[in-house]
């Protein structure tokens, strides 16, 4: 039960952090168009989110 609580707390804190990082990266690419901004946000968010789901990172 303790492990599930730790994983939930990490998800609750990590998802807003990666959303902010993705938003900042998207703001840097705002000159290239609205579609490009959405693409950069989505790519950055998914990259960090899938990195969170990688079980090898949980052991470190």
Protein backbone atom coordinates (compact mmCIF):
# COMPACT_ATOMS: atom_id res chain seq x y z
CA UNK A 1 0.00 0.00 0.00
CA UNK A 2 2.87 2.32 0.81
CA UNK A 3 4.38 1.84 -2.66
CA UNK A 4 1.08 2.74 -4.35
CA UNK A 5 0.87 5.91 -2.26
CA UNK A 6 4.41 6.89 -3.24
CA UNK A 7 3.67 6.32 -6.93
CA UNK A 8 0.46 8.37 -6.67
CA UNK A 9 2.28 11.25 -4.96
CA UNK A 10 4.97 11.23 -7.63
CA UNK A 11 2.35 11.33 -10.38
CA UNK A 12 0.47 14.16 -8.68
CA UNK A 13 3.61 16.28 -8.42
CA UNK A 14 5.35 15.28 -11.65
CA UNK A 15 2.48 15.77 -14.12
CA UNK A 16 2.07 19.51 -13.37
CA UNK A 17 5.85 19.97 -13.56
CA UNK A 18 6.07 18.39 -16.99
CA UNK A 19 3.04 20.41 -18.11
CA UNK A 20 4.84 23.63 -17.11
CA UNK A 21 8.03 22.54 -18.87
CA UNK A 22 6.05 21.68 -21.99
CA UNK A 23 4.22 25.01 -21.85
CA UNK A 24 7.49 26.95 -21.60
CA UNK A 25 8.95 25.04 -24.53
CA UNK A 26 5.79 25.71 -26.54
CA UNK A 27 6.05 29.43 -25.77
CA UNK A 28 9.52 29.52 -27.29
CA UNK A 29 8.12 28.19 -30.56
CA UNK A 30 5.14 30.56 -30.78
CA UNK A 31 6.53 32.43 -33.78
CA UNK A 32 6.25 29.38 -36.03
CA UNK A 33 2.47 29.09 -35.78
CA UNK A 34 -0.29 27.75 -33.60
CA UNK A 35 -0.14 24.19 -34.95
CA UNK A 36 3.60 24.03 -34.30
CA UNK A 37 3.08 25.19 -30.70
CA UNK A 38 0.51 22.46 -30.07
CA UNK A 39 2.82 19.87 -31.62
CA UNK A 40 5.79 20.96 -29.47
CA UNK A 41 3.68 20.91 -26.30
CA UNK A 42 2.30 17.45 -27.06
CA UNK A 43 5.70 16.01 -28.04
CA UNK A 44 7.44 17.34 -24.95
CA UNK A 45 4.66 16.28 -22.59
CA UNK A 46 4.46 12.76 -24.01
CA UNK A 47 8.24 12.35 -23.95
CA UNK A 48 8.44 13.24 -20.25
CA UNK A 49 5.29 11.27 -19.37
CA UNK A 50 6.54 8.07 -21.01
CA UNK A 51 9.88 8.58 -19.29
CA UNK A 52 7.97 8.63 -16.00
CA UNK A 53 6.33 5.32 -16.87
CA UNK A 54 9.69 3.67 -17.55
CA UNK A 55 10.14 1.16 -14.68
CA UNK A 56 13.94 1.35 -14.88
CA UNK A 57 13.73 4.94 -13.60
CA UNK A 58 11.85 3.80 -10.51
CA UNK A 59 14.82 1.81 -9.26
CA UNK A 60 17.27 4.71 -9.28
